[in-house]
């Protein structure tokens, strides 16, 4: 899993990173990470998330989504690097 969750009992969800209306590609996320990304996506107005959104709205949606995703993955990478030297 992207966040490092490896507990098989944790609910896993396929998430349309750029919205179901805009892309068919999905990534597998644990339930918590899915909620974190969806929460920030929902801060944008529904019109900005729709299939007919203006290009600048779609870009804002992609920026918000990618930023949150990188924040989640970045924390995992930092922890893994620090753990190697017992510095976490």
PDB file of N, CA and C in Angstrom:
ATOM      1  N   UNK A   1       0.830  -1.170   0.000  1.00  0.00           N
ATOM      2  CA  UNK A   1       0.000   0.000   0.000  1.00  0.00           C
ATOM      3  C   UNK A   1       0.888   1.252   0.000  1.00  0.00           C
ATOM      4  N   UNK A   2       0.409   2.307  -0.599  1.00  0.00           N
ATOM      5  CA  UNK A   2       1.194   3.528  -0.763  1.00  0.00           C
ATOM      6  C   UNK A   2       1.687   4.110   0.564  1.00  0.00           C
ATOM      7  N   UNK A   3       0.882   3.999   1.612  1.00  0.00           N
ATOM      8  CA  UNK A   3       1.223   4.606   2.895  1.00  0.00           C
ATOM      9  C   UNK A   3       2.084   3.694   3.761  1.00  0.00           C
ATOM     10  N   UNK A   4       2.248   2.451   3.333  1.00  0.00           N
ATOM     11  CA  UNK A   4       3.027   1.502   4.119  1.00  0.00           C
ATOM     12  C   UNK A   4       2.173   0.578   4.970  1.00  0.00           C
ATOM     13  N   UNK A   5       0.877   0.772   4.940  1.00  0.00           N
ATOM     14  CA  UNK A   5      -0.027  -0.104   5.702  1.00  0.00           C
ATOM     15  C   UNK A   5       0.102  -1.516   5.153  1.00  0.00           C
ATOM     16  N   UNK A   6       0.394  -2.470   6.034  1.00  0.00           N
ATOM     17  CA  UNK A   6       0.535  -3.843   5.569  1.00  0.00           C
ATOM     18  C   UNK A   6      -0.345  -4.827   6.335  1.00  0.00           C
ATOM     19  N   UNK A   7      -1.243  -4.315   7.145  1.00  0.00           N
ATOM     20  CA  UNK A   7      -2.177  -5.161   7.881  1.00  0.00           C
ATOM     21  C   UNK A   7      -3.268  -5.632   6.912  1.00  0.00           C
ATOM     22  N   UNK A   8      -3.358  -6.947   6.656  1.00  0.00           N
ATOM     23  CA  UNK A   8      -4.329  -7.445   5.681  1.00  0.00           C
ATOM     24  C   UNK A   8      -5.785  -7.216   6.094  1.00  0.00           C
ATOM     25  N   UNK A   9      -6.020  -6.933   7.374  1.00  0.00           N
ATOM     26  CA  UNK A   9      -7.396  -6.719   7.810  1.00  0.00           C
ATOM     27  C   UNK A   9      -7.890  -5.291   7.542  1.00  0.00           C
ATOM     28  N   UNK A  10      -6.973  -4.393   7.160  1.00  0.00           N
ATOM     29  CA  UNK A  10      -7.353  -3.014   6.883  1.00  0.00           C
ATOM     30  C   UNK A  10      -8.072  -2.951   5.538  1.00  0.00           C
ATOM     31  N   UNK A  11      -9.204  -2.279   5.544  1.00  0.00           N
ATOM     32  CA  UNK A  11      -9.983  -2.122   4.326  1.00  0.00           C
ATOM     33  C   UNK A  11      -9.165  -1.399   3.263  1.00  0.00           C
ATOM     34  N   UNK A  12      -9.122  -1.967   2.084  1.00  0.00           N
ATOM     35  CA  UNK A  12      -8.394  -1.358   0.978  1.00  0.00           C
ATOM     36  C   UNK A  12      -9.414  -0.873  -0.045  1.00  0.00           C
ATOM     37  N   UNK A  13      -9.133   0.286  -0.626  1.00  0.00           N
ATOM     38  CA  UNK A  13     -10.067   0.857  -1.582  1.00  0.00           C
ATOM     39  C   UNK A  13      -9.330   1.302  -2.834  1.00  0.00           C
ATOM     40  N   UNK A  14      -9.958   1.074  -3.976  1.00  0.00           N
ATOM     41  CA  UNK A  14      -9.435   1.623  -5.216  1.00  0.00           C
ATOM     42  C   UNK A  14      -9.920   3.059  -5.300  1.00  0.00           C
ATOM     43  N   UNK A  15      -8.997   3.965  -5.570  1.00  0.00           N
ATOM     44  CA  UNK A  15      -9.344   5.386  -5.594  1.00  0.00           C
ATOM     45  C   UNK A  15      -8.993   5.976  -6.949  1.00  0.00           C
ATOM     46  N   UNK A  16      -9.939   6.692  -7.541  1.00  0.00           N
ATOM     47  CA  UNK A  16      -9.691   7.437  -8.774  1.00  0.00           C
ATOM     48  C   UNK A  16      -8.992   8.728  -8.368  1.00  0.00           C
ATOM     49  N   UNK A  17      -7.685   8.763  -8.537  1.00  0.00           N
ATOM     50  CA  UNK A  17      -6.903   9.905  -8.077  1.00  0.00           C
ATOM     51  C   UNK A  17      -7.407  11.228  -8.637  1.00  0.00           C
ATOM     52  N   UNK A  18      -7.795  11.252  -9.896  1.00  0.00           N
ATOM     53  CA  UNK A  18      -8.232  12.508 -10.505  1.00  0.00           C
ATOM     54  C   UNK A  18      -9.734  12.531 -10.745  1.00  0.00           C
ATOM     55  N   UNK A  19     -10.455  11.714 -10.003  1.00  0.00           N
ATOM     56  CA  UNK A  19     -11.910  11.694 -10.088  1.00  0.00           C
ATOM     57  C   UNK A  19     -12.410  10.699 -11.121  1.00  0.00           C
ATOM     58  N   UNK A  20     -13.440  10.004 -10.763  1.00  0.00           N
ATOM     59  CA  UNK A  20     -14.031   8.989 -11.633  1.00  0.00           C
ATOM     60  C   UNK A  20     -14.475   9.602 -12.969  1.00  0.00           C
ATOM     61  N   UNK A  21     -14.924  10.856 -12.922  1.00  0.00           N
ATOM     62  CA  UNK A  21     -15.405  11.521 -14.132  1.00  0.00           C
ATOM     63  C   UNK A  21     -14.267  11.913 -15.071  1.00  0.00           C
ATOM     64  N   UNK A  22     -13.038  11.978 -14.554  1.00  0.00           N
ATOM     65  CA  UNK A  22     -11.926  12.499 -15.352  1.00  0.00           C
ATOM     66  C   UNK A  22     -10.882  11.458 -15.751  1.00  0.00           C
ATOM     67  N   UNK A  23     -10.836  10.330 -15.081  1.00  0.00           N
ATOM     68  CA  UNK A  23      -9.819   9.326 -15.403  1.00  0.00           C
ATOM     69  C   UNK A  23     -10.257   7.954 -14.895  1.00  0.00           C
ATOM     70  N   UNK A  24      -9.850   6.937 -15.616  1.00  0.00           N
ATOM     71  CA  UNK A  24     -10.231   5.581 -15.209  1.00  0.00           C
ATOM     72  C   UNK A  24      -9.167   4.919 -14.335  1.00  0.00           C
ATOM     73  N   UNK A  25      -7.956   5.504 -14.279  1.00  0.00           N
ATOM     74  CA  UNK A  25      -6.873   4.908 -13.514  1.00  0.00           C
ATOM     75  C   UNK A  25      -7.166   5.009 -12.013  1.00  0.00           C
ATOM     76  N   UNK A  26      -6.833   3.945 -11.307  1.00  0.00           N
ATOM     77  CA  UNK A  26      -7.029   3.928  -9.856  1.00  0.00           C
ATOM     78  C   UNK A  26      -5.736   3.510  -9.163  1.00  0.00           C
ATOM     79  N   UNK A  27      -5.661   3.820  -7.867  1.00  0.00           N
ATOM     80  CA  UNK A  27      -4.578   3.324  -7.026  1.00  0.00           C
ATOM     81  C   UNK A  27      -5.226   2.685  -5.809  1.00  0.00           C
ATOM     82  N   UNK A  28      -4.515   1.763  -5.195  1.00  0.00           N
ATOM     83  CA  UNK A  28      -5.023   1.079  -4.018  1.00  0.00           C
ATOM     84  C   UNK A  28      -4.572   1.836  -2.769  1.00  0.00           C
ATOM     85  N   UNK A  29      -5.524   2.219  -1.949  1.00  0.00           N
ATOM     86  CA  UNK A  29      -5.251   2.960  -0.720  1.00  0.00           C
ATOM     87  C   UNK A  29      -5.908   2.265   0.456  1.00  0.00           C
ATOM     88  N   UNK A  30      -5.324   2.437   1.651  1.00  0.00           N
ATOM     89  CA  UNK A  30      -6.019   1.988   2.848  1.00  0.00           C
ATOM     90  C   UNK A  30      -7.182   2.952   3.077  1.00  0.00           C
ATOM     91  N   UNK A  31      -8.101   2.554   3.906  1.00  0.00           N
ATOM     92  CA  UNK A  31      -9.294   3.367   4.156  1.00  0.00           C
ATOM     93  C   UNK A  31      -8.924   4.762   4.668  1.00  0.00           C
ATOM     94  N   UNK A  32      -7.945   4.854   5.575  1.00  0.00           N
ATOM     95  CA  UNK A  32      -7.570   6.157   6.136  1.00  0.00           C
ATOM     96  C   UNK A  32      -6.998   7.088   5.074  1.00  0.00           C
ATOM     97  N   UNK A  33      -6.099   6.596   4.234  1.00  0.00           N
ATOM     98  CA  UNK A  33      -5.514   7.440   3.189  1.00  0.00           C
ATOM     99  C   UNK A  33      -6.573   7.850   2.171  1.00  0.00           C
ATOM    100  N   UNK A  34      -7.480   6.926   1.853  1.00  0.00           N
ATOM    101  CA  UNK A  34      -8.570   7.254   0.936  1.00  0.00           C
ATOM    102  C   UNK A  34      -9.382   8.419   1.500  1.00  0.00           C
ATOM    103  N   UNK A  35      -9.690   8.358   2.779  1.00  0.00           N
ATOM    104  CA  UNK A  35     -10.458   9.439   3.408  1.00  0.00           C
ATOM    105  C   UNK A  35      -9.690  10.762   3.412  1.00  0.00           C
ATOM    106  N   UNK A  36      -8.379  10.697   3.658  1.00  0.00           N
ATOM    107  CA  UNK A  36      -7.572  11.927   3.674  1.00  0.00           C
ATOM    108  C   UNK A  36      -7.569  12.609   2.315  1.00  0.00           C
ATOM    109  N   UNK A  37      -7.425  11.835   1.260  1.00  0.00           N
ATOM    110  CA  UNK A  37      -7.399  12.412  -0.082  1.00  0.00           C
ATOM    111  C   UNK A  37      -8.787  12.914  -0.472  1.00  0.00           C
ATOM    112  N   UNK A  38      -9.806  12.117  -0.205  1.00  0.00           N
ATOM    113  CA  UNK A  38     -11.168  12.524  -0.545  1.00  0.00           C
ATOM    114  C   UNK A  38     -11.566  13.787   0.210  1.00  0.00           C
ATOM    115  N   UNK A  39     -11.160  13.894   1.454  1.00  0.00           N
ATOM    116  CA  UNK A  39     -11.491  15.074   2.264  1.00  0.00           C
ATOM    117  C   UNK A  39     -10.972  16.353   1.607  1.00  0.00           C
ATOM    118  N   UNK A  40      -9.738  16.335   1.154  1.00  0.00           N
ATOM    119  CA  UNK A  40      -9.179  17.548   0.534  1.00  0.00           C
ATOM    120  C   UNK A  40      -9.812  17.784  -0.844  1.00  0.00           C
ATOM    121  N   UNK A  41     -10.122  16.721  -1.569  1.00  0.00           N
ATOM    122  CA  UNK A  41     -10.790  16.884  -2.861  1.00  0.00           C
ATOM    123  C   UNK A  41     -12.162  17.545  -2.682  1.00  0.00           C
ATOM    124  N   UNK A  42     -12.850  17.177  -1.624  1.00  0.00           N
ATOM    125  CA  UNK A  42     -14.192  17.707  -1.390  1.00  0.00           C
ATOM    126  C   UNK A  42     -14.194  19.160  -0.937  1.00  0.00           C
ATOM    127  N   UNK A  43     -13.029  19.737  -0.696  1.00  0.00           N
ATOM    128  CA  UNK A  43     -12.961  21.166  -0.383  1.00  0.00           C
ATOM    129  C   UNK A  43     -13.204  22.019  -1.631  1.00  0.00           C
ATOM    130  N   UNK A  44     -13.015  21.402  -2.802  1.00  0.00           N
ATOM    131  CA  UNK A  44     -13.286  22.107  -4.049  1.00  0.00           C
ATOM    132  C   UNK A  44     -14.771  21.980  -4.379  1.00  0.00           C
ATOM    133  N   UNK A  45     -15.340  22.968  -5.067  1.00  0.00           N
ATOM    134  CA  UNK A  45     -16.767  22.890  -5.402  1.00  0.00           C
ATOM    135  C   UNK A  45     -17.052  21.717  -6.339  1.00  0.00           C
ATOM    136  N   UNK A  46     -18.244  21.127  -6.248  1.00  0.00           N
ATOM    137  CA  UNK A  46     -18.590  19.985  -7.098  1.00  0.00           C
ATOM    138  C   UNK A  46     -18.374  20.261  -8.591  1.00  0.00           C
ATOM    139  N   UNK A  47     -18.643  21.471  -9.023  1.00  0.00           N
ATOM    140  CA  UNK A  47     -18.479  21.812 -10.440  1.00  0.00           C
ATOM    141  C   UNK A  47     -17.017  21.639 -10.884  1.00  0.00           C
ATOM    142  N   UNK A  48     -16.080  21.912  -9.987  1.00  0.00           N
ATOM    143  CA  UNK A  48     -14.659  21.770 -10.312  1.00  0.00           C
ATOM    144  C   UNK A  48     -14.246  20.308 -10.415  1.00  0.00           C
ATOM    145  N   UNK A  49     -15.052  19.434  -9.842  1.00  0.00           N
ATOM    146  CA  UNK A  49     -14.730  18.006  -9.857  1.00  0.00           C
ATOM    147  C   UNK A  49     -15.498  17.247 -10.930  1.00  0.00           C
ATOM    148  N   UNK A  50     -16.352  17.946 -11.675  1.00  0.00           N
ATOM    149  CA  UNK A  50     -17.224  17.278 -12.638  1.00  0.00           C
ATOM    150  C   UNK A  50     -16.520  17.024 -13.965  1.00  0.00           C
ATOM    151  N   UNK A  51     -17.129  16.167 -14.761  1.00  0.00           N
ATOM    152  CA  UNK A  51     -16.583  15.829 -16.076  1.00  0.00           C
ATOM    153  C   UNK A  51     -16.472  17.072 -16.960  1.00  0.00           C
ATOM    154  N   UNK A  52     -17.409  17.991 -16.834  1.00  0.00           N
ATOM    155  CA  UNK A  52     -17.409  19.188 -17.668  1.00  0.00           C
ATOM    156  C   UNK A  52     -16.654  20.362 -17.074  1.00  0.00           C
ATOM    157  N   UNK A  53     -15.804  20.112 -16.096  1.00  0.00           N
ATOM    158  CA  UNK A  53     -15.064  21.190 -15.436  1.00  0.00           C
ATOM    159  C   UNK A  53     -14.149  21.907 -16.429  1.00  0.00           C
ATOM    160  N   UNK A  54     -13.946  23.188 -16.194  1.00  0.00           N
ATOM    161  CA  UNK A  54     -13.024  23.972 -17.015  1.00  0.00           C
ATOM    162  C   UNK A  54     -11.610  23.438 -16.793  1.00  0.00           C
ATOM    163  N   UNK A  55     -10.731  23.609 -17.783  1.00  0.00           N
ATOM    164  CA  UNK A  55      -9.349  23.113 -17.632  1.00  0.00           C
ATOM    165  C   UNK A  55      -8.649  23.635 -16.384  1.00  0.00           C
ATOM    166  N   UNK A  56      -8.858  24.893 -16.025  1.00  0.00           N
ATOM    167  CA  UNK A  56      -8.194  25.424 -14.829  1.00  0.00           C
ATOM    168  C   UNK A  56      -8.754  24.800 -13.546  1.00  0.00           C
ATOM    169  N   UNK A  57     -10.037  24.421 -13.569  1.00  0.00           N
ATOM    170  CA  UNK A  57     -10.616  23.731 -12.414  1.00  0.00           C
ATOM    171  C   UNK A  57     -10.077  22.314 -12.305  1.00  0.00           C
ATOM    172  N   UNK A  58      -9.949  21.646 -13.443  1.00  0.00           N
ATOM    173  CA  UNK A  58      -9.379  20.293 -13.447  1.00  0.00           C
ATOM    174  C   UNK A  58      -7.934  20.324 -12.945  1.00  0.00           C
ATOM    175  N   UNK A  59      -7.196  21.361 -13.342  1.00  0.00           N
ATOM    176  CA  UNK A  59      -5.809  21.486 -12.890  1.00  0.00           C
ATOM    177  C   UNK A  59      -5.746  21.686 -11.379  1.00  0.00           C
ATOM    178  N   UNK A  60      -6.641  22.524 -10.857  1.00  0.00           N
ATOM    179  CA  UNK A  60      -6.683  22.743  -9.408  1.00  0.00           C
ATOM    180  C   UNK A  60      -6.996  21.434  -8.687  1.00  0.00           C
ATOM    181  N   UNK A  61      -7.928  20.662  -9.224  1.00  0.00           N
ATOM    182  CA  UNK A  61      -8.297  19.373  -8.641  1.00  0.00           C
ATOM    183  C   UNK A  61      -7.105  18.424  -8.634  1.00  0.00           C
ATOM    184  N   UNK A  62      -6.396  18.358  -9.757  1.00  0.00           N
ATOM    185  CA  UNK A  62      -5.216  17.502  -9.841  1.00  0.00           C
ATOM    186  C   UNK A  62      -4.123  17.971  -8.884  1.00  0.00           C
ATOM    187  N   UNK A  63      -3.942  19.275  -8.761  1.00  0.00           N
ATOM    188  CA  UNK A  63      -2.925  19.813  -7.857  1.00  0.00           C
ATOM    189  C   UNK A  63      -3.232  19.462  -6.404  1.00  0.00           C
ATOM    190  N   UNK A  64      -4.473  19.650  -6.004  1.00  0.00           N
ATOM    191  CA  UNK A  64      -4.886  19.350  -4.626  1.00  0.00           C
ATOM    192  C   UNK A  64      -4.716  17.860  -4.341  1.00  0.00           C
ATOM    193  N   UNK A  65      -5.157  17.036  -5.281  1.00  0.00           N
ATOM    194  CA  UNK A  65      -5.076  15.586  -5.108  1.00  0.00           C
ATOM    195  C   UNK A  65      -3.627  15.108  -5.047  1.00  0.00           C
ATOM    196  N   UNK A  66      -2.823  15.542  -5.996  1.00  0.00           N
ATOM    197  CA  UNK A  66      -1.427  15.117  -6.046  1.00  0.00           C
ATOM    198  C   UNK A  66      -0.666  15.605  -4.826  1.00  0.00           C
ATOM    199  N   UNK A  67      -0.937  16.831  -4.399  1.00  0.00           N
ATOM    200  CA  UNK A  67      -0.272  17.365  -3.213  1.00  0.00           C
ATOM    201  C   UNK A  67      -0.561  16.537  -1.980  1.00  0.00           C
ATOM    202  N   UNK A  68      -1.809  16.151  -1.784  1.00  0.00           N
ATOM    203  CA  UNK A  68      -2.175  15.351  -0.612  1.00  0.00           C
ATOM    204  C   UNK A  68      -1.556  13.956  -0.694  1.00  0.00           C
ATOM    205  N   UNK A  69      -1.577  13.373  -1.891  1.00  0.00           N
ATOM    206  CA  UNK A  69      -0.995  12.048  -2.087  1.00  0.00           C
ATOM    207  C   UNK A  69       0.504  12.069  -1.798  1.00  0.00           C
ATOM    208  N   UNK A  70       1.195  13.083  -2.308  1.00  0.00           N
ATOM    209  CA  UNK A  70       2.634  13.193  -2.065  1.00  0.00           C
ATOM    210  C   UNK A  70       2.939  13.419  -0.586  1.00  0.00           C
ATOM    211  N   UNK A  71       2.059  14.125   0.102  1.00  0.00           N
ATOM    212  CA  UNK A  71       2.235  14.323   1.549  1.00  0.00           C
ATOM    213  C   UNK A  71       2.192  12.983   2.280  1.00  0.00           C
ATOM    214  N   UNK A  72       1.244  12.140   1.909  1.00  0.00           N
ATOM    215  CA  UNK A  72       1.102  10.829   2.544  1.00  0.00           C
ATOM    216  C   UNK A  72       2.329   9.957   2.253  1.00  0.00           C
ATOM    217  N   UNK A  73       2.708   9.866   0.988  1.00  0.00           N
ATOM    218  CA  UNK A  73       3.842   9.034   0.593  1.00  0.00           C
ATOM    219  C   UNK A  73       5.145   9.612   1.154  1.00  0.00           C
ATOM    220  N   UNK A  74       5.261  10.937   1.156  1.00  0.00           N
ATOM    221  CA  UNK A  74       6.465  11.590   1.673  1.00  0.00           C
ATOM    222  C   UNK A  74       6.716  11.273   3.134  1.00  0.00           C
ATOM    223  N   UNK A  75       5.677  11.266   3.934  1.00  0.00           N
ATOM    224  CA  UNK A  75       5.827  10.938   5.360  1.00  0.00           C
ATOM    225  C   UNK A  75       6.341   9.514   5.521  1.00  0.00           C
ATOM    226  N   UNK A  76       5.828   8.614   4.691  1.00  0.00           N
ATOM    227  CA  UNK A  76       6.277   7.220   4.768  1.00  0.00           C
ATOM    228  C   UNK A  76       7.755   7.108   4.398  1.00  0.00           C
ATOM    229  N   UNK A  77       8.152   7.796   3.347  1.00  0.00           N
ATOM    230  CA  UNK A  77       9.549   7.734   2.916  1.00  0.00           C
ATOM    231  C   UNK A  77      10.490   8.337   3.959  1.00  0.00           C
ATOM    232  N   UNK A  78      10.087   9.446   4.556  1.00  0.00           N
ATOM    233  CA  UNK A  78      10.909  10.056   5.605  1.00  0.00           C
ATOM    234  C   UNK A  78      11.083   9.096   6.775  1.00  0.00           C
ATOM    235  N   UNK A  79       9.982   8.488   7.190  1.00  0.00           N
ATOM    236  CA  UNK A  79      10.032   7.563   8.326  1.00  0.00           C
ATOM    237  C   UNK A  79      10.931   6.378   8.005  1.00  0.00           C
ATOM    238  N   UNK A  80      10.792   5.826   6.815  1.00  0.00           N
ATOM    239  CA  UNK A  80      11.616   4.676   6.423  1.00  0.00           C
ATOM    240  C   UNK A  80      13.100   5.032   6.428  1.00  0.00           C
ATOM    241  N   UNK A  81      13.432   6.211   5.905  1.00  0.00           N
ATOM    242  CA  UNK A  81      14.831   6.634   5.900  1.00  0.00           C
ATOM    243  C   UNK A  81      15.379   6.851   7.294  1.00  0.00           C
ATOM    244  N   UNK A  82      14.594   7.465   8.155  1.00  0.00           N
ATOM    245  CA  UNK A  82      15.045   7.724   9.531  1.00  0.00           C
ATOM    246  C   UNK A  82      15.101   6.425  10.347  1.00  0.00           C
ATOM    247  N   UNK A  83      14.155   5.528  10.108  1.00  0.00           N
ATOM    248  CA  UNK A  83      14.135   4.253  10.834  1.00  0.00           C
ATOM    249  C   UNK A  83      15.413   3.459  10.594  1.00  0.00           C
ATOM    250  N   UNK A  84      15.968   3.577   9.419  1.00  0.00           N
ATOM    251  CA  UNK A  84      17.187   2.833   9.086  1.00  0.00           C
ATOM    252  C   UNK A  84      18.302   3.154  10.086  1.00  0.00           C
ATOM    253  N   UNK A  85      18.300   4.360  10.609  1.00  0.00           N
ATOM    254  CA  UNK A  85      19.347   4.786  11.529  1.00  0.00           C
ATOM    255  C   UNK A  85      18.829   4.997  12.947  1.00  0.00           C
ATOM    256  N   UNK A  86      17.613   4.483  13.224  1.00  0.00           N
ATOM    257  CA  UNK A  86      17.049   4.607  14.569  1.00  0.00           C
ATOM    258  C   UNK A  86      16.769   6.036  14.975  1.00  0.00           C
ATOM    259  N   UNK A  87      16.436   6.882  14.015  1.00  0.00           N
ATOM    260  CA  UNK A  87      16.249   8.320  14.293  1.00  0.00           C
ATOM    261  C   UNK A  87      14.800   8.763  14.208  1.00  0.00           C
ATOM    262  N   UNK A  88      13.864   7.863  14.101  1.00  0.00           N
ATOM    263  CA  UNK A  88      12.471   8.307  13.957  1.00  0.00           C
ATOM    264  C   UNK A  88      11.852   8.729  15.264  1.00  0.00           C
TER     265      UNK A  88
END
